[in-house]
N, C-alpha and C. Protein backbone atom coordinates (compact mmCIF):
# COMPACT_ATOMS: atom_id res chain seq x y z
N MET A 1 102.61 114.05 111.14
CA MET A 1 102.38 114.41 109.77
C MET A 1 100.44 113.32 109.87
N ASN A 2 101.02 112.13 110.53
CA ASN A 2 99.66 111.20 110.38
C ASN A 2 98.57 111.84 111.13
N LYS A 3 98.88 112.47 112.48
CA LYS A 3 97.94 112.96 113.35
C LYS A 3 97.00 114.32 112.81
N LYS A 4 97.83 115.00 111.83
CA LYS A 4 97.10 116.31 111.10
C LYS A 4 96.31 115.52 110.21
N LEU A 5 96.45 114.52 109.37
CA LEU A 5 96.13 114.24 108.26
C LEU A 5 94.80 113.50 109.01
N ILE A 6 94.75 112.70 109.88
CA ILE A 6 93.71 112.01 110.58
C ILE A 6 92.72 113.14 110.88
N ALA A 7 93.13 114.31 111.85
CA ALA A 7 92.28 115.36 112.34
C ALA A 7 91.74 116.18 111.12
N SER A 8 92.37 116.39 110.17
CA SER A 8 91.73 116.99 109.13
C SER A 8 90.88 116.28 108.39
N SER A 9 91.08 114.72 107.97
CA SER A 9 89.92 113.75 107.67
C SER A 9 88.75 113.82 108.54
N VAL A 10 88.90 113.68 109.71
CA VAL A 10 87.95 113.79 110.71
C VAL A 10 86.94 115.26 110.57
N LEU A 11 87.54 116.05 110.42
CA LEU A 11 87.14 117.61 110.48
C LEU A 11 86.29 117.61 109.48
N VAL A 12 86.44 117.27 108.07
CA VAL A 12 86.29 117.10 106.85
C VAL A 12 84.86 116.21 106.84
N LEU A 13 85.04 114.97 107.20
CA LEU A 13 83.87 114.35 107.34
C LEU A 13 82.66 114.62 108.48
N LEU A 14 83.26 115.28 109.42
CA LEU A 14 82.22 116.23 110.24
C LEU A 14 81.47 117.15 109.69
N LEU A 15 81.97 117.61 108.97
CA LEU A 15 81.48 119.11 108.15
C LEU A 15 80.82 118.63 107.03
N LEU A 16 80.93 117.38 106.43
CA LEU A 16 80.18 117.04 105.17
C LEU A 16 78.74 117.04 105.35
N PRO A 17 78.09 116.88 106.42
CA PRO A 17 76.68 117.07 106.40
C PRO A 17 76.00 118.09 106.50
N VAL A 18 77.05 119.22 107.16
CA VAL A 18 76.84 120.68 106.91
C VAL A 18 76.79 121.10 105.85
N ILE A 19 77.63 120.76 104.84
CA ILE A 19 77.72 121.14 103.39
C ILE A 19 76.68 120.41 103.00
N ILE A 20 76.44 119.49 102.57
CA ILE A 20 75.13 118.61 101.99
C ILE A 20 73.84 119.36 102.13
N LEU A 21 73.85 119.60 103.48
CA LEU A 21 72.31 120.48 104.11
C LEU A 21 71.98 121.82 103.81
N ALA A 22 73.20 122.51 103.10
CA ALA A 22 73.13 123.70 102.66
C ALA A 22 72.39 124.02 101.59
N PHE A 23 72.09 122.92 100.56
CA PHE A 23 71.25 123.08 99.51
C PHE A 23 69.99 123.37 99.97
N ASN A 24 69.26 124.09 99.04
CA ASN A 24 67.71 124.51 99.15
C ASN A 24 66.92 123.20 99.26
N PRO A 25 65.95 123.36 100.47
CA PRO A 25 64.96 122.32 100.43
C PRO A 25 64.39 121.94 99.17
N PRO A 26 63.61 120.76 98.58
CA PRO A 26 62.41 120.81 98.01
C PRO A 26 61.37 121.25 98.32
N PRO A 27 60.53 121.33 97.24
CA PRO A 27 59.06 122.22 97.49
C PRO A 27 57.97 121.33 98.51
N GLN A 28 57.86 121.75 99.69
CA GLN A 28 57.23 120.90 100.59
C GLN A 28 55.58 120.37 100.17
N PRO A 29 54.99 121.64 100.00
CA PRO A 29 53.22 120.99 99.73
C PRO A 29 53.17 120.18 98.53
N ILE A 30 53.00 118.89 98.20
CA ILE A 30 52.75 118.27 97.04
C ILE A 30 51.33 117.71 97.17
N GLU A 31 50.77 118.45 95.98
CA GLU A 31 49.30 118.31 95.99
C GLU A 31 48.78 117.50 94.79
N GLN A 32 49.61 117.04 94.03
CA GLN A 32 49.34 116.51 92.82
C GLN A 32 49.82 114.61 93.22
N GLU A 33 49.49 113.88 92.16
CA GLU A 33 49.94 112.74 92.32
C GLU A 33 51.39 112.60 92.05
N LEU A 34 52.28 111.74 92.87
CA LEU A 34 53.48 111.73 92.91
C LEU A 34 54.04 110.71 91.68
N LEU A 35 54.68 110.88 90.84
CA LEU A 35 55.03 109.99 89.50
C LEU A 35 56.30 109.60 89.87
N VAL A 36 56.57 108.14 89.30
CA VAL A 36 57.91 107.62 89.67
C VAL A 36 59.07 108.39 89.24
N GLY A 37 58.85 109.00 88.30
CA GLY A 37 60.03 109.99 87.77
C GLY A 37 60.13 111.18 88.61
N ASP A 38 59.33 111.75 89.20
CA ASP A 38 59.38 112.72 90.36
C ASP A 38 60.31 112.10 91.32
N VAL A 39 59.99 110.93 91.73
CA VAL A 39 60.70 110.20 92.99
C VAL A 39 61.82 109.97 92.90
N VAL A 40 62.09 109.51 91.56
CA VAL A 40 63.51 108.97 91.11
C VAL A 40 64.39 110.71 91.03
N ASP A 41 63.85 111.54 90.57
CA ASP A 41 64.58 112.67 90.20
C ASP A 41 65.00 113.20 91.74
N ASN A 42 63.85 113.31 92.64
CA ASN A 42 63.90 113.69 93.81
C ASN A 42 64.91 113.32 94.59
N VAL A 43 65.08 111.65 94.64
CA VAL A 43 66.18 110.95 95.37
C VAL A 43 67.51 111.43 94.86
N LEU A 44 67.60 111.66 93.54
CA LEU A 44 68.78 111.92 92.67
C LEU A 44 69.19 113.15 93.12
N ARG A 45 68.20 114.08 92.96
CA ARG A 45 68.71 115.67 93.54
C ARG A 45 69.11 116.06 94.79
N TRP A 46 68.28 115.31 95.48
CA TRP A 46 68.65 115.47 96.94
C TRP A 46 69.32 114.60 98.25
N ILE A 47 69.50 113.61 97.51
CA ILE A 47 70.17 112.47 98.44
C ILE A 47 71.47 112.10 97.71
N VAL A 48 71.36 111.64 96.63
CA VAL A 48 72.56 110.80 95.71
C VAL A 48 73.44 111.83 95.37
N TRP A 49 73.20 112.85 94.58
CA TRP A 49 74.04 114.05 94.03
C TRP A 49 74.79 114.95 95.32
N PRO A 50 74.27 114.92 96.31
CA PRO A 50 74.96 115.89 97.42
C PRO A 50 76.06 114.83 97.78
N PHE A 51 75.67 113.66 98.16
CA PHE A 51 76.57 113.00 98.80
C PHE A 51 77.77 112.58 97.83
N VAL A 52 77.65 112.44 96.54
CA VAL A 52 78.38 111.65 95.27
C VAL A 52 79.38 113.26 95.48
N THR A 53 79.00 114.37 95.44
CA THR A 53 79.41 115.59 95.28
C THR A 53 80.58 115.74 96.45
N GLY A 54 80.47 115.38 97.42
CA GLY A 54 80.92 115.38 98.80
C GLY A 54 82.21 114.49 98.86
N ILE A 55 82.05 113.41 97.92
CA ILE A 55 82.81 112.45 98.04
C ILE A 55 83.94 112.61 97.08
N VAL A 56 83.63 113.22 96.11
CA VAL A 56 84.24 113.65 94.95
C VAL A 56 85.52 114.62 95.33
N ILE A 57 84.85 115.74 96.03
CA ILE A 57 85.51 116.63 96.56
C ILE A 57 86.21 116.07 97.96
N ILE A 58 86.39 115.12 98.71
CA ILE A 58 87.08 114.83 99.36
C ILE A 58 88.11 113.92 98.53
N LEU A 59 87.87 113.09 97.52
CA LEU A 59 88.76 112.54 96.65
C LEU A 59 89.91 113.45 96.41
N PHE A 60 89.38 114.47 95.57
CA PHE A 60 90.65 115.50 95.17
C PHE A 60 91.15 116.07 96.03
N ILE A 61 90.67 116.42 97.42
CA ILE A 61 91.61 116.98 98.55
C ILE A 61 92.75 115.82 98.94
N ALA A 62 92.01 114.62 98.91
CA ALA A 62 93.17 113.50 99.31
C ALA A 62 94.37 113.51 98.14
N ALA A 63 93.95 113.69 96.77
CA ALA A 63 94.92 113.63 95.80
C ALA A 63 95.99 114.68 96.05
N GLY A 64 95.38 116.09 96.18
CA GLY A 64 96.00 116.98 96.41
C GLY A 64 97.12 116.75 97.53
N LEU A 65 96.67 116.18 98.75
CA LEU A 65 97.63 116.20 99.88
C LEU A 65 98.54 114.93 99.50
N LEU A 66 98.01 114.01 98.07
CA LEU A 66 99.29 113.35 98.11
C LEU A 66 100.24 113.85 97.18
N PHE A 67 99.71 115.06 96.68
CA PHE A 67 100.75 115.65 95.68
C PHE A 67 101.84 116.35 96.30
N LEU A 68 101.25 117.30 97.45
CA LEU A 68 101.76 117.76 98.32
C LEU A 68 102.82 117.12 99.24
N THR A 69 102.26 115.86 99.96
CA THR A 69 103.51 114.92 100.19
C THR A 69 104.33 114.01 99.74
N SER A 70 104.51 114.16 98.48
CA SER A 70 105.39 113.53 97.71
C SER A 70 106.45 113.86 97.56
N HIS A 71 107.30 115.07 97.92
CA HIS A 71 108.39 115.45 98.26
C HIS A 71 109.30 115.02 96.53
N GLY A 72 108.60 115.25 95.51
CA GLY A 72 109.47 115.13 94.26
C GLY A 72 109.97 113.50 94.29
N GLU A 73 109.35 112.76 95.07
CA GLU A 73 109.40 111.20 94.71
C GLU A 73 108.91 110.68 93.39
N PRO A 74 109.21 110.06 92.25
CA PRO A 74 108.79 109.58 91.54
C PRO A 74 107.59 108.57 91.72
N GLY A 75 107.67 107.72 92.30
CA GLY A 75 106.58 106.87 92.92
C GLY A 75 105.30 107.38 93.49
N LYS A 76 105.49 108.62 94.19
CA LYS A 76 104.40 109.08 95.13
C LYS A 76 103.52 110.30 94.09
N ILE A 77 104.49 110.63 92.93
CA ILE A 77 103.59 111.35 92.32
C ILE A 77 102.88 110.84 91.38
N ALA A 78 103.62 109.65 90.97
CA ALA A 78 102.67 108.65 89.88
C ALA A 78 101.70 108.18 90.74
N ALA A 79 101.51 107.99 91.79
CA ALA A 79 100.07 107.46 92.58
C ALA A 79 99.12 108.38 92.95
N ALA A 80 99.74 109.88 92.81
CA ALA A 80 99.15 111.10 93.07
C ALA A 80 98.58 111.29 91.73
N ARG A 81 99.06 111.26 90.61
CA ARG A 81 98.52 111.65 89.64
C ARG A 81 97.35 110.26 88.99
N SER A 82 97.65 109.15 89.23
CA SER A 82 96.80 108.35 89.02
C SER A 82 95.39 108.61 90.08
N ALA A 83 95.63 109.00 91.20
CA ALA A 83 94.32 109.02 91.87
C ALA A 83 93.70 110.49 91.30
N VAL A 84 94.37 111.24 90.62
CA VAL A 84 93.55 112.52 90.08
C VAL A 84 92.94 111.76 88.71
N ILE A 85 93.69 111.23 87.80
CA ILE A 85 93.00 110.47 86.54
C ILE A 85 91.75 109.81 87.19
N TRP A 86 91.81 108.53 88.21
CA TRP A 86 90.90 107.80 88.48
C TRP A 86 89.77 108.93 89.02
N GLY A 87 90.04 109.86 89.52
CA GLY A 87 88.72 110.90 89.91
C GLY A 87 88.54 111.44 89.00
N VAL A 88 88.98 112.05 88.08
CA VAL A 88 88.21 112.58 86.82
C VAL A 88 87.51 111.62 86.12
N VAL A 89 87.95 110.16 85.82
CA VAL A 89 87.18 109.13 85.29
C VAL A 89 85.85 108.91 86.31
N GLY A 90 85.81 108.79 87.31
CA GLY A 90 84.79 108.68 88.41
C GLY A 90 83.88 109.71 88.20
N VAL A 91 83.98 111.09 88.19
CA VAL A 91 83.41 112.19 87.93
C VAL A 91 82.62 111.83 86.48
N ALA A 92 83.59 111.59 85.45
CA ALA A 92 82.68 111.48 84.09
C ALA A 92 81.80 110.43 84.06
N VAL A 93 81.84 109.19 84.89
CA VAL A 93 81.03 107.91 84.98
C VAL A 93 79.82 108.61 85.56
N ILE A 94 79.95 109.24 86.87
CA ILE A 94 78.85 109.72 87.60
C ILE A 94 78.00 110.70 86.74
N VAL A 95 78.54 111.64 86.25
CA VAL A 95 77.85 112.61 85.22
C VAL A 95 77.23 111.57 84.33
N ILE A 96 77.60 110.72 83.46
CA ILE A 96 77.19 110.09 82.48
C ILE A 96 75.89 109.40 83.03
N SER A 97 76.05 108.92 84.15
CA SER A 97 74.89 108.35 84.79
C SER A 97 73.80 108.78 85.13
N PHE A 98 74.08 109.85 85.52
CA PHE A 98 73.02 110.68 85.94
C PHE A 98 72.38 111.11 84.93
N SER A 99 72.79 110.99 83.45
CA SER A 99 72.26 111.93 82.28
C SER A 99 71.72 110.66 81.56
N ILE A 100 71.89 109.59 81.66
CA ILE A 100 71.30 108.47 81.50
C ILE A 100 70.15 108.34 82.25
N VAL A 101 70.00 108.54 83.18
CA VAL A 101 68.83 108.44 84.31
C VAL A 101 67.88 109.44 83.58
N LYS A 102 68.27 110.31 83.60
CA LYS A 102 67.34 111.65 83.14
C LYS A 102 66.86 111.68 81.77
N THR A 103 67.74 111.15 80.91
CA THR A 103 67.23 110.77 79.17
C THR A 103 66.05 109.65 79.65
N VAL A 104 66.46 108.60 80.18
CA VAL A 104 65.33 107.47 80.44
C VAL A 104 64.15 108.09 80.53
N THR A 105 64.19 108.82 81.91
CA THR A 105 62.89 109.30 82.44
C THR A 105 62.21 110.27 81.64
N PHE A 106 62.94 110.97 80.84
CA PHE A 106 62.35 112.12 79.90
C PHE A 106 61.68 111.06 78.50
N LEU A 107 62.41 110.24 78.02
CA LEU A 107 61.90 109.43 76.96
C LEU A 107 60.85 108.64 77.37
N LEU A 108 60.80 108.19 78.61
CA LEU A 108 59.21 107.43 78.86
C LEU A 108 58.39 108.67 79.53
N ASN A 109 58.62 109.51 79.34
CA ASN A 109 57.62 110.51 79.59
C ASN A 109 57.22 110.33 81.25
N LEU A 110 58.33 109.95 82.23
CA LEU A 110 57.82 109.87 83.70
C LEU A 110 57.91 111.40 83.97
N LEU A 111 58.33 112.19 83.69
CA LEU A 111 58.25 113.38 84.34
C LEU A 111 57.32 114.15 83.60
N PRO A 112 56.66 115.31 84.47
CA PRO A 112 55.69 116.05 83.51
C PRO A 112 56.18 117.23 82.37
């Protein structure tokens, strides 16, 4: 079972860049001044957000595997449930942090 888990984890980690690079590329020709808000927005949109999305997907897959391998044992089910709960809390924190950054850049008029 461990060999299958390791093999599937390695496969997911190897395919993660392919999934991340499947996003549309940002517009290339930049002819105007580059604002701080634009830089922050581009870094969040094209680097941080895809990476965090991949990590969240891997986390929920791991939590699902914990549920599948628990075989009805209460301790393992509690650990899997805890992983899902903390995964949801992590997603909420990530969404709130991105919202705070967007709100601050909007309020400071850093975006056009």
